[in-house]
Amino acid sequence: MTMHDGIKRWTAKRKTALVIEIIQGKTTESEASRSFDLTPSEIEGWVEDAKRGMENSLRANPLDIREQYGKQLRDLQEAYGEAMLELRARKKRQALLDAQDGN
């Protein structure tokens, strides 16, 4: 599949073709961004999704989609929880510092 201007809908097949061109070095993410009026983060997301998909497909025991999303959700929940703990600790510390300044 060759890439051409005027693409109105980015199907999985078109995204795959673009990602393959990037991986093969035929184009770069920034060139594709300019050529197809896409955001760099959008293209980076497609490339990252492709890498995760390739890694999973090459595993001895590939995860199914539900397992993949479950793992991703657990990782995000863990990161969110850590961020909330840090935020609470910072607020508590600031409250203690403000109380000390008031004395």
PDB file of N, CA and C in Angstrom:
ATOM      1  N   MET A   1       0.840  -1.177   0.000  1.00  0.00           N
ATOM      2  CA  MET A   1       0.000   0.000   0.000  1.00  0.00           C
ATOM      3  C   MET A   1       0.886   1.241   0.000  1.00  0.00           C
ATOM      4  N   THR A   2       0.655   2.159  -0.911  1.00  0.00           N
ATOM      5  CA  THR A   2       1.436   3.384  -0.957  1.00  0.00           C
ATOM      6  C   THR A   2       0.640   4.509  -0.324  1.00  0.00           C
ATOM      7  N   MET A   3       1.331   5.431   0.290  1.00  0.00           N
ATOM      8  CA  MET A   3       0.688   6.558   0.946  1.00  0.00           C
ATOM      9  C   MET A   3       0.453   7.650  -0.100  1.00  0.00           C
ATOM     10  N   HIS A   4      -0.644   8.349   0.039  1.00  0.00           N
ATOM     11  CA  HIS A   4      -0.919   9.459  -0.872  1.00  0.00           C
ATOM     12  C   HIS A   4      -1.691  10.538  -0.130  1.00  0.00           C
ATOM     13  N   ASP A   5      -1.645  11.751  -0.659  1.00  0.00           N
ATOM     14  CA  ASP A   5      -2.348  12.869  -0.033  1.00  0.00           C
ATOM     15  C   ASP A   5      -3.857  12.683  -0.176  1.00  0.00           C
ATOM     16  N   GLY A   6      -4.598  13.348   0.663  1.00  0.00           N
ATOM     17  CA  GLY A   6      -6.047  13.313   0.569  1.00  0.00           C
ATOM     18  C   GLY A   6      -6.693  12.190   1.340  1.00  0.00           C
ATOM     19  N   ILE A   7      -5.984  11.563   2.254  1.00  0.00           N
ATOM     20  CA  ILE A   7      -6.578  10.496   3.055  1.00  0.00           C
ATOM     21  C   ILE A   7      -7.571  11.137   4.012  1.00  0.00           C
ATOM     22  N   LYS A   8      -8.808  10.701   3.937  1.00  0.00           N
ATOM     23  CA  LYS A   8      -9.846  11.273   4.781  1.00  0.00           C
ATOM     24  C   LYS A   8     -10.051  10.462   6.051  1.00  0.00           C
ATOM     25  N   ARG A   9      -9.823   9.165   5.979  1.00  0.00           N
ATOM     26  CA  ARG A   9     -10.052   8.289   7.124  1.00  0.00           C
ATOM     27  C   ARG A   9      -8.854   7.379   7.314  1.00  0.00           C
ATOM     28  N   TRP A  10      -8.319   7.374   8.528  1.00  0.00           N
ATOM     29  CA  TRP A  10      -7.141   6.569   8.817  1.00  0.00           C
ATOM     30  C   TRP A  10      -7.574   5.214   9.353  1.00  0.00           C
ATOM     31  N   THR A  11      -7.734   4.274   8.445  1.00  0.00           N
ATOM     32  CA  THR A  11      -8.098   2.912   8.824  1.00  0.00           C
ATOM     33  C   THR A  11      -6.883   2.223   9.444  1.00  0.00           C
ATOM     34  N   ALA A  12      -7.109   1.094  10.063  1.00  0.00           N
ATOM     35  CA  ALA A  12      -6.013   0.330  10.652  1.00  0.00           C
ATOM     36  C   ALA A  12      -4.987  -0.045   9.581  1.00  0.00           C
ATOM     37  N   LYS A  13      -5.467  -0.351   8.386  1.00  0.00           N
ATOM     38  CA  LYS A  13      -4.566  -0.728   7.292  1.00  0.00           C
ATOM     39  C   LYS A  13      -3.665   0.439   6.885  1.00  0.00           C
ATOM     40  N   ARG A  14      -4.232   1.634   6.812  1.00  0.00           N
ATOM     41  CA  ARG A  14      -3.436   2.817   6.452  1.00  0.00           C
ATOM     42  C   ARG A  14      -2.445   3.171   7.567  1.00  0.00           C
ATOM     43  N   LYS A  15      -2.903   3.081   8.819  1.00  0.00           N
ATOM     44  CA  LYS A  15      -2.009   3.354   9.943  1.00  0.00           C
ATOM     45  C   LYS A  15      -0.836   2.375   9.926  1.00  0.00           C
ATOM     46  N   THR A  16      -1.138   1.109   9.685  1.00  0.00           N
ATOM     47  CA  THR A  16      -0.097   0.076   9.627  1.00  0.00           C
ATOM     48  C   THR A  16       0.908   0.392   8.532  1.00  0.00           C
ATOM     49  N   ALA A  17       0.420   0.774   7.375  1.00  0.00           N
ATOM     50  CA  ALA A  17       1.320   1.092   6.260  1.00  0.00           C
ATOM     51  C   ALA A  17       2.237   2.255   6.615  1.00  0.00           C
ATOM     52  N   LEU A  18       1.693   3.270   7.264  1.00  0.00           N
ATOM     53  CA  LEU A  18       2.504   4.423   7.648  1.00  0.00           C
ATOM     54  C   LEU A  18       3.529   4.026   8.710  1.00  0.00           C
ATOM     55  N   VAL A  19       3.112   3.270   9.693  1.00  0.00           N
ATOM     56  CA  VAL A  19       4.030   2.834  10.755  1.00  0.00           C
ATOM     57  C   VAL A  19       5.162   1.988  10.159  1.00  0.00           C
ATOM     58  N   ILE A  20       4.840   1.109   9.231  1.00  0.00           N
ATOM     59  CA  ILE A  20       5.872   0.289   8.584  1.00  0.00           C
ATOM     60  C   ILE A  20       6.863   1.169   7.834  1.00  0.00           C
ATOM     61  N   GLU A  21       6.370   2.200   7.149  1.00  0.00           N
ATOM     62  CA  GLU A  21       7.273   3.114   6.442  1.00  0.00           C
ATOM     63  C   GLU A  21       8.201   3.827   7.428  1.00  0.00           C
ATOM     64  N   ILE A  22       7.677   4.172   8.599  1.00  0.00           N
ATOM     65  CA  ILE A  22       8.502   4.830   9.615  1.00  0.00           C
ATOM     66  C   ILE A  22       9.543   3.856  10.145  1.00  0.00           C
ATOM     67  N   ILE A  23       9.127   2.635  10.455  1.00  0.00           N
ATOM     68  CA  ILE A  23      10.053   1.626  10.983  1.00  0.00           C
ATOM     69  C   ILE A  23      11.144   1.294   9.963  1.00  0.00           C
ATOM     70  N   GLN A  24      10.770   1.243   8.687  1.00  0.00           N
ATOM     71  CA  GLN A  24      11.742   0.923   7.634  1.00  0.00           C
ATOM     72  C   GLN A  24      12.638   2.113   7.282  1.00  0.00           C
ATOM     73  N   GLY A  25      12.351   3.271   7.857  1.00  0.00           N
ATOM     74  CA  GLY A  25      13.171   4.447   7.598  1.00  0.00           C
ATOM     75  C   GLY A  25      12.833   5.162   6.304  1.00  0.00           C
ATOM     76  N   LYS A  26      11.708   4.826   5.694  1.00  0.00           N
ATOM     77  CA  LYS A  26      11.308   5.476   4.448  1.00  0.00           C
ATOM     78  C   LYS A  26      10.779   6.891   4.708  1.00  0.00           C
ATOM     79  N   THR A  27      10.317   7.119   5.930  1.00  0.00           N
ATOM     80  CA  THR A  27       9.858   8.450   6.342  1.00  0.00           C
ATOM     81  C   THR A  27      10.071   8.564   7.843  1.00  0.00           C
ATOM     82  N   THR A  28       9.909   9.760   8.350  1.00  0.00           N
ATOM     83  CA  THR A  28      10.029   9.969   9.793  1.00  0.00           C
ATOM     84  C   THR A  28       8.664  10.386  10.335  1.00  0.00           C
ATOM     85  N   GLU A  29       8.541  10.349  11.653  1.00  0.00           N
ATOM     86  CA  GLU A  29       7.283  10.763  12.274  1.00  0.00           C
ATOM     87  C   GLU A  29       6.995  12.230  11.958  1.00  0.00           C
ATOM     88  N   SER A  30       8.031  13.075  11.992  1.00  0.00           N
ATOM     89  CA  SER A  30       7.808  14.502  11.720  1.00  0.00           C
ATOM     90  C   SER A  30       7.438  14.743  10.256  1.00  0.00           C
ATOM     91  N   GLU A  31       8.059  14.012   9.328  1.00  0.00           N
ATOM     92  CA  GLU A  31       7.697  14.147   7.911  1.00  0.00           C
ATOM     93  C   GLU A  31       6.258  13.700   7.682  1.00  0.00           C
ATOM     94  N   ALA A  32       5.880  12.582   8.283  1.00  0.00           N
ATOM     95  CA  ALA A  32       4.523  12.074   8.132  1.00  0.00           C
ATOM     96  C   ALA A  32       3.517  13.052   8.739  1.00  0.00           C
ATOM     97  N   SER A  33       3.889  13.638   9.857  1.00  0.00           N
ATOM     98  CA  SER A  33       3.018  14.613  10.516  1.00  0.00           C
ATOM     99  C   SER A  33       2.723  15.781   9.577  1.00  0.00           C
ATOM    100  N   ARG A  34       3.768  16.292   8.966  1.00  0.00           N
ATOM    101  CA  ARG A  34       3.583  17.411   8.025  1.00  0.00           C
ATOM    102  C   ARG A  34       2.838  16.975   6.767  1.00  0.00           C
ATOM    103  N   SER A  35       3.205  15.835   6.216  1.00  0.00           N
ATOM    104  CA  SER A  35       2.617  15.373   4.953  1.00  0.00           C
ATOM    105  C   SER A  35       1.127  15.080   5.061  1.00  0.00           C
ATOM    106  N   PHE A  36       0.729  14.505   6.184  1.00  0.00           N
ATOM    107  CA  PHE A  36      -0.654  14.050   6.322  1.00  0.00           C
ATOM    108  C   PHE A  36      -1.469  14.880   7.293  1.00  0.00           C
ATOM    109  N   ASP A  37      -0.900  16.002   7.751  1.00  0.00           N
ATOM    110  CA  ASP A  37      -1.592  16.910   8.665  1.00  0.00           C
ATOM    111  C   ASP A  37      -2.093  16.167   9.905  1.00  0.00           C
ATOM    112  N   LEU A  38      -1.182  15.402  10.505  1.00  0.00           N
ATOM    113  CA  LEU A  38      -1.468  14.659  11.733  1.00  0.00           C
ATOM    114  C   LEU A  38      -0.592  15.231  12.841  1.00  0.00           C
ATOM    115  N   THR A  39      -1.023  15.075  14.070  1.00  0.00           N
ATOM    116  CA  THR A  39      -0.189  15.544  15.169  1.00  0.00           C
ATOM    117  C   THR A  39       0.938  14.534  15.412  1.00  0.00           C
ATOM    118  N   PRO A  40       2.104  15.020  15.801  1.00  0.00           N
ATOM    119  CA  PRO A  40       3.196  14.099  16.091  1.00  0.00           C
ATOM    120  C   PRO A  40       2.820  13.089  17.183  1.00  0.00           C
ATOM    121  N   SER A  41       2.070  13.536  18.181  1.00  0.00           N
ATOM    122  CA  SER A  41       1.693  12.621  19.268  1.00  0.00           C
ATOM    123  C   SER A  41       0.761  11.519  18.764  1.00  0.00           C
ATOM    124  N   GLU A  42      -0.064  11.827  17.789  1.00  0.00           N
ATOM    125  CA  GLU A  42      -0.952  10.818  17.209  1.00  0.00           C
ATOM    126  C   GLU A  42      -0.131   9.715  16.533  1.00  0.00           C
ATOM    127  N   ILE A  43       0.842  10.129  15.741  1.00  0.00           N
ATOM    128  CA  ILE A  43       1.696   9.164  15.042  1.00  0.00           C
ATOM    129  C   ILE A  43       2.543   8.387  16.042  1.00  0.00           C
ATOM    130  N   GLU A  44       3.095   9.080  17.047  1.00  0.00           N
ATOM    131  CA  GLU A  44       3.884   8.400  18.077  1.00  0.00           C
ATOM    132  C   GLU A  44       3.042   7.338  18.780  1.00  0.00           C
ATOM    133  N   GLY A  45       1.781   7.643  19.015  1.00  0.00           N
ATOM    134  CA  GLY A  45       0.878   6.675  19.641  1.00  0.00           C
ATOM    135  C   GLY A  45       0.691   5.442  18.781  1.00  0.00           C
ATOM    136  N   TRP A  46       0.544   5.648  17.464  1.00  0.00           N
ATOM    137  CA  TRP A  46       0.390   4.506  16.555  1.00  0.00           C
ATOM    138  C   TRP A  46       1.643   3.640  16.569  1.00  0.00           C
ATOM    139  N   VAL A  47       2.813   4.288  16.569  1.00  0.00           N
ATOM    140  CA  VAL A  47       4.073   3.542  16.567  1.00  0.00           C
ATOM    141  C   VAL A  47       4.210   2.755  17.872  1.00  0.00           C
ATOM    142  N   GLU A  48       3.879   3.387  18.999  1.00  0.00           N
ATOM    143  CA  GLU A  48       3.956   2.695  20.293  1.00  0.00           C
ATOM    144  C   GLU A  48       2.968   1.525  20.349  1.00  0.00           C
ATOM    145  N   ASP A  49       1.761   1.727  19.842  1.00  0.00           N
ATOM    146  CA  ASP A  49       0.777   0.643  19.797  1.00  0.00           C
ATOM    147  C   ASP A  49       1.301  -0.517  18.959  1.00  0.00           C
ATOM    148  N   ALA A  50       1.923  -0.183  17.835  1.00  0.00           N
ATOM    149  CA  ALA A  50       2.465  -1.221  16.957  1.00  0.00           C
ATOM    150  C   ALA A  50       3.575  -1.999  17.647  1.00  0.00           C
ATOM    151  N   LYS A  51       4.445  -1.275  18.365  1.00  0.00           N
ATOM    152  CA  LYS A  51       5.532  -1.948  19.081  1.00  0.00           C
ATOM    153  C   LYS A  51       4.981  -2.898  20.139  1.00  0.00           C
ATOM    154  N   ARG A  52       3.972  -2.435  20.893  1.00  0.00           N
ATOM    155  CA  ARG A  52       3.377  -3.298  21.915  1.00  0.00           C
ATOM    156  C   ARG A  52       2.733  -4.518  21.271  1.00  0.00           C
ATOM    157  N   GLY A  53       2.060  -4.319  20.152  1.00  0.00           N
ATOM    158  CA  GLY A  53       1.416  -5.425  19.456  1.00  0.00           C
ATOM    159  C   GLY A  53       2.422  -6.434  18.941  1.00  0.00           C
ATOM    160  N   MET A  54       3.531  -5.924  18.402  1.00  0.00           N
ATOM    161  CA  MET A  54       4.570  -6.829  17.903  1.00  0.00           C
ATOM    162  C   MET A  54       5.187  -7.611  19.051  1.00  0.00           C
ATOM    163  N   GLU A  55       5.471  -6.918  20.152  1.00  0.00           N
ATOM    164  CA  GLU A  55       6.068  -7.595  21.304  1.00  0.00           C
ATOM    165  C   GLU A  55       5.151  -8.700  21.801  1.00  0.00           C
ATOM    166  N   ASN A  56       3.869  -8.398  21.900  1.00  0.00           N
ATOM    167  CA  ASN A  56       2.922  -9.400  22.386  1.00  0.00           C
ATOM    168  C   ASN A  56       2.827 -10.583  21.427  1.00  0.00           C
ATOM    169  N   SER A  57       2.793 -10.301  20.131  1.00  0.00           N
ATOM    170  CA  SER A  57       2.640 -11.398  19.171  1.00  0.00           C
ATOM    171  C   SER A  57       3.862 -12.306  19.123  1.00  0.00           C
ATOM    172  N   LEU A  58       5.012 -11.793  19.545  1.00  0.00           N
ATOM    173  CA  LEU A  58       6.235 -12.595  19.532  1.00  0.00           C
ATOM    174  C   LEU A  58       6.483 -13.323  20.851  1.00  0.00           C
ATOM    175  N   ARG A  59       5.605 -13.148  21.815  1.00  0.00           N
ATOM    176  CA  ARG A  59       5.735 -13.867  23.086  1.00  0.00           C
ATOM    177  C   ARG A  59       5.432 -15.346  22.886  1.00  0.00           C
ATOM    178  N   ALA A  60       6.003 -16.158  23.749  1.00  0.00           N
ATOM    179  CA  ALA A  60       5.712 -17.589  23.701  1.00  0.00           C
ATOM    180  C   ALA A  60       4.243 -17.836  24.019  1.00  0.00           C
ATOM    181  N   ASN A  61       3.695 -17.049  24.938  1.00  0.00           N
ATOM    182  CA  ASN A  61       2.274 -17.134  25.310  1.00  0.00           C
ATOM    183  C   ASN A  61       1.658 -15.740  25.228  1.00  0.00           C
ATOM    184  N   PRO A  62       1.225 -15.334  24.026  1.00  0.00           N
ATOM    185  CA  PRO A  62       0.695 -13.974  23.871  1.00  0.00           C
ATOM    186  C   PRO A  62      -0.527 -13.730  24.759  1.00  0.00           C
ATOM    187  N   LEU A  63      -0.607 -12.488  25.247  1.00  0.00           N
ATOM    188  CA  LEU A  63      -1.771 -12.074  26.022  1.00  0.00           C
ATOM    189  C   LEU A  63      -2.918 -11.775  25.069  1.00  0.00           C
ATOM    190  N   ASP A  64      -4.147 -12.079  25.495  1.00  0.00           N
ATOM    191  CA  ASP A  64      -5.254 -11.654  24.655  1.00  0.00           C
ATOM    192  C   ASP A  64      -5.527 -10.179  24.936  1.00  0.00           C
ATOM    193  N   ILE A  65      -6.357  -9.576  24.133  1.00  0.00           N
ATOM    194  CA  ILE A  65      -6.636  -8.146  24.228  1.00  0.00           C
ATOM    195  C   ILE A  65      -7.146  -7.772  25.612  1.00  0.00           C
ATOM    196  N   ARG A  66      -8.027  -8.571  26.171  1.00  0.00           N
ATOM    197  CA  ARG A  66      -8.577  -8.261  27.494  1.00  0.00           C
ATOM    198  C   ARG A  66      -7.468  -8.226  28.542  1.00  0.00           C
ATOM    199  N   GLU A  67      -6.549  -9.180  28.463  1.00  0.00           N
ATOM    200  CA  GLU A  67      -5.425  -9.197  29.402  1.00  0.00           C
ATOM    201  C   GLU A  67      -4.531  -7.975  29.215  1.00  0.00           C
ATOM    202  N   GLN A  68      -4.298  -7.608  27.949  1.00  0.00           N
ATOM    203  CA  GLN A  68      -3.458  -6.445  27.670  1.00  0.00           C
ATOM    204  C   GLN A  68      -4.076  -5.188  28.279  1.00  0.00           C
ATOM    205  N   TYR A  69      -5.375  -4.977  28.035  1.00  0.00           N
ATOM    206  CA  TYR A  69      -6.031  -3.785  28.570  1.00  0.00           C
ATOM    207  C   TYR A  69      -6.115  -3.844  30.088  1.00  0.00           C
ATOM    208  N   GLY A  70      -6.311  -5.036  30.639  1.00  0.00           N
ATOM    209  CA  GLY A  70      -6.344  -5.188  32.089  1.00  0.00           C
ATOM    210  C   GLY A  70      -5.015  -4.800  32.715  1.00  0.00           C
ATOM    211  N   LYS A  71      -3.921  -5.259  32.102  1.00  0.00           N
ATOM    212  CA  LYS A  71      -2.584  -4.920  32.607  1.00  0.00           C
ATOM    213  C   LYS A  71      -2.343  -3.426  32.492  1.00  0.00           C
ATOM    214  N   GLN A  72      -2.715  -2.847  31.355  1.00  0.00           N
ATOM    215  CA  GLN A  72      -2.527  -1.414  31.144  1.00  0.00           C
ATOM    216  C   GLN A  72      -3.350  -0.621  32.163  1.00  0.00           C
ATOM    217  N   LEU A  73      -4.570  -1.057  32.424  1.00  0.00           N
ATOM    218  CA  LEU A  73      -5.425  -0.386  33.400  1.00  0.00           C
ATOM    219  C   LEU A  73      -4.821  -0.485  34.800  1.00  0.00           C
ATOM    220  N   ARG A  74      -4.335  -1.655  35.181  1.00  0.00           N
ATOM    221  CA  ARG A  74      -3.708  -1.814  36.495  1.00  0.00           C
ATOM    222  C   ARG A  74      -2.490  -0.911  36.637  1.00  0.00           C
ATOM    223  N   ASP A  75      -1.673  -0.829  35.584  1.00  0.00           N
ATOM    224  CA  ASP A  75      -0.489   0.033  35.614  1.00  0.00           C
ATOM    225  C   ASP A  75      -0.887   1.502  35.785  1.00  0.00           C
ATOM    226  N   LEU A  76      -1.930   1.923  35.066  1.00  0.00           N
ATOM    227  CA  LEU A  76      -2.396   3.307  35.175  1.00  0.00           C
ATOM    228  C   LEU A  76      -2.985   3.591  36.552  1.00  0.00           C
ATOM    229  N   GLN A  77      -3.738   2.640  37.091  1.00  0.00           N
ATOM    230  CA  GLN A  77      -4.311   2.814  38.425  1.00  0.00           C
ATOM    231  C   GLN A  77      -3.207   2.922  39.473  1.00  0.00           C
ATOM    232  N   GLU A  78      -2.173   2.110  39.323  1.00  0.00           N
ATOM    233  CA  GLU A  78      -1.046   2.160  40.253  1.00  0.00           C
ATOM    234  C   GLU A  78      -0.347   3.514  40.183  1.00  0.00           C
ATOM    235  N   ALA A  79      -0.110   3.998  38.972  1.00  0.00           N
ATOM    236  CA  ALA A  79       0.540   5.299  38.800  1.00  0.00           C
ATOM    237  C   ALA A  79      -0.328   6.418  39.380  1.00  0.00           C
ATOM    238  N   TYR A  80      -1.643   6.327  39.174  1.00  0.00           N
ATOM    239  CA  TYR A  80      -2.564   7.326  39.717  1.00  0.00           C
ATOM    240  C   TYR A  80      -2.523   7.311  41.238  1.00  0.00           C
ATOM    241  N   GLY A  81      -2.549   6.121  41.818  1.00  0.00           N
ATOM    242  CA  GLY A  81      -2.500   5.992  43.270  1.00  0.00           C
ATOM    243  C   GLY A  81      -1.234   6.594  43.849  1.00  0.00           C
ATOM    244  N   GLU A  82      -0.106   6.326  43.202  1.00  0.00           N
ATOM    245  CA  GLU A  82       1.168   6.885  43.659  1.00  0.00           C
ATOM    246  C   GLU A  82       1.154   8.405  43.568  1.00  0.00           C
ATOM    247  N   ALA A  83       0.610   8.928  42.488  1.00  0.00           N
ATOM    248  CA  ALA A  83       0.544  10.380  42.320  1.00  0.00           C
ATOM    249  C   ALA A  83      -0.348  11.017  43.387  1.00  0.00           C
ATOM    250  N   MET A  84      -1.465  10.360  43.701  1.00  0.00           N
ATOM    251  CA  MET A  84      -2.361  10.887  44.737  1.00  0.00           C
ATOM    252  C   MET A  84      -1.687  10.873  46.103  1.00  0.00           C
ATOM    253  N   LEU A  85      -0.947   9.796  46.428  1.00  0.00           N
ATOM    254  CA  LEU A  85      -0.228   9.739  47.704  1.00  0.00           C
ATOM    255  C   LEU A  85       0.797  10.862  47.803  1.00  0.00           C
ATOM    256  N   GLU A  86       1.515  11.081  46.713  1.00  0.00           N
ATOM    257  CA  GLU A  86       2.519  12.141  46.704  1.00  0.00           C
ATOM    258  C   GLU A  86       1.862  13.508  46.875  1.00  0.00           C
ATOM    259  N   LEU A  87       0.750  13.724  46.203  1.00  0.00           N
ATOM    260  CA  LEU A  87       0.040  15.000  46.314  1.00  0.00           C
ATOM    261  C   LEU A  87      -0.443  15.235  47.736  1.00  0.00           C
ATOM    262  N   ARG A  88      -1.017  14.203  48.350  1.00  0.00           N
ATOM    263  CA  ARG A  88      -1.488  14.332  49.733  1.00  0.00           C
ATOM    264  C   ARG A  88      -0.334  14.625  50.682  1.00  0.00           C
ATOM    265  N   ALA A  89       0.795  13.950  50.466  1.00  0.00           N
ATOM    266  CA  ALA A  89       1.965  14.176  51.320  1.00  0.00           C
ATOM    267  C   ALA A  89       2.467  15.604  51.167  1.00  0.00           C
ATOM    268  N   ARG A  90       2.492  16.105  49.964  1.00  0.00           N
ATOM    269  CA  ARG A  90       2.942  17.487  49.737  1.00  0.00           C
ATOM    270  C   ARG A  90       2.005  18.490  50.400  1.00  0.00           C
ATOM    271  N   LYS A  91       0.690  18.245  50.295  1.00  0.00           N
ATOM    272  CA  LYS A  91      -0.280  19.145  50.924  1.00  0.00           C
ATOM    273  C   LYS A  91      -0.132  19.125  52.445  1.00  0.00           C
ATOM    274  N   LYS A  92       0.069  17.945  52.996  1.00  0.00           N
ATOM    275  CA  LYS A  92       0.230  17.812  54.447  1.00  0.00           C
ATOM    276  C   LYS A  92       1.503  18.520  54.895  1.00  0.00           C
ATOM    277  N   ARG A  93       2.563  18.324  54.143  1.00  0.00           N
ATOM    278  CA  ARG A  93       3.832  18.989  54.461  1.00  0.00           C
ATOM    279  C   ARG A  93       3.675  20.494  54.409  1.00  0.00           C
ATOM    280  N   GLN A  94       2.994  20.988  53.375  1.00  0.00           N
ATOM    281  CA  GLN A  94       2.799  22.430  53.242  1.00  0.00           C
ATOM    282  C   GLN A  94       1.955  22.970  54.396  1.00  0.00           C
ATOM    283  N   ALA A  95       0.936  22.209  54.818  1.00  0.00           N
ATOM    284  CA  ALA A  95       0.100  22.631  55.937  1.00  0.00           C
ATOM    285  C   ALA A  95       0.927  22.708  57.217  1.00  0.00           C
ATOM    286  N   LEU A  96       1.819  21.732  57.424  1.00  0.00           N
ATOM    287  CA  LEU A  96       2.692  21.755  58.594  1.00  0.00           C
ATOM    288  C   LEU A  96       3.647  22.942  58.557  1.00  0.00           C
ATOM    289  N   LEU A  97       4.215  23.236  57.386  1.00  0.00           N
ATOM    290  CA  LEU A  97       5.114  24.372  57.244  1.00  0.00           C
ATOM    291  C   LEU A  97       4.373  25.677  57.483  1.00  0.00           C
ATOM    292  N   ASP A  98       3.158  25.773  56.962  1.00  0.00           N
ATOM    293  CA  ASP A  98       2.349  26.985  57.170  1.00  0.00           C
ATOM    294  C   ASP A  98       2.003  27.146  58.655  1.00  0.00           C
ATOM    295  N   ALA A  99       1.728  26.035  59.349  1.00  0.00           N
ATOM    296  CA  ALA A  99       1.405  26.093  60.771  1.00  0.00           C
ATOM    297  C   ALA A  99       2.637  26.543  61.564  1.00  0.00           C
ATOM    298  N   GLN A 100       3.819  26.095  61.172  1.00  0.00           N
ATOM    299  CA  GLN A 100       5.049  26.490  61.864  1.00  0.00           C
ATOM    300  C   GLN A 100       5.324  27.977  61.651  1.00  0.00           C
ATOM    301  N   ASP A 101       5.059  28.456  60.451  1.00  0.00           N
ATOM    302  CA  ASP A 101       5.262  29.879  60.150  1.00  0.00           C
ATOM    303  C   ASP A 101       4.285  30.758  60.930  1.00  0.00           C
ATOM    304  N   GLY A 102       3.121  30.220  61.260  1.00  0.00           N
ATOM    305  CA  GLY A 102       2.105  30.970  61.990  1.00  0.00           C
ATOM    306  C   GLY A 102       2.398  31.078  63.459  1.00  0.00           C
ATOM    307  N   ASN A 103       3.283  30.229  63.983  1.00  0.00           N
ATOM    308  CA  ASN A 103       3.609  30.257  65.426  1.00  0.00           C
ATOM    309  C   ASN A 103       4.625  31.279  65.757  1.00  0.00           C
TER     310      ASN A 103
END
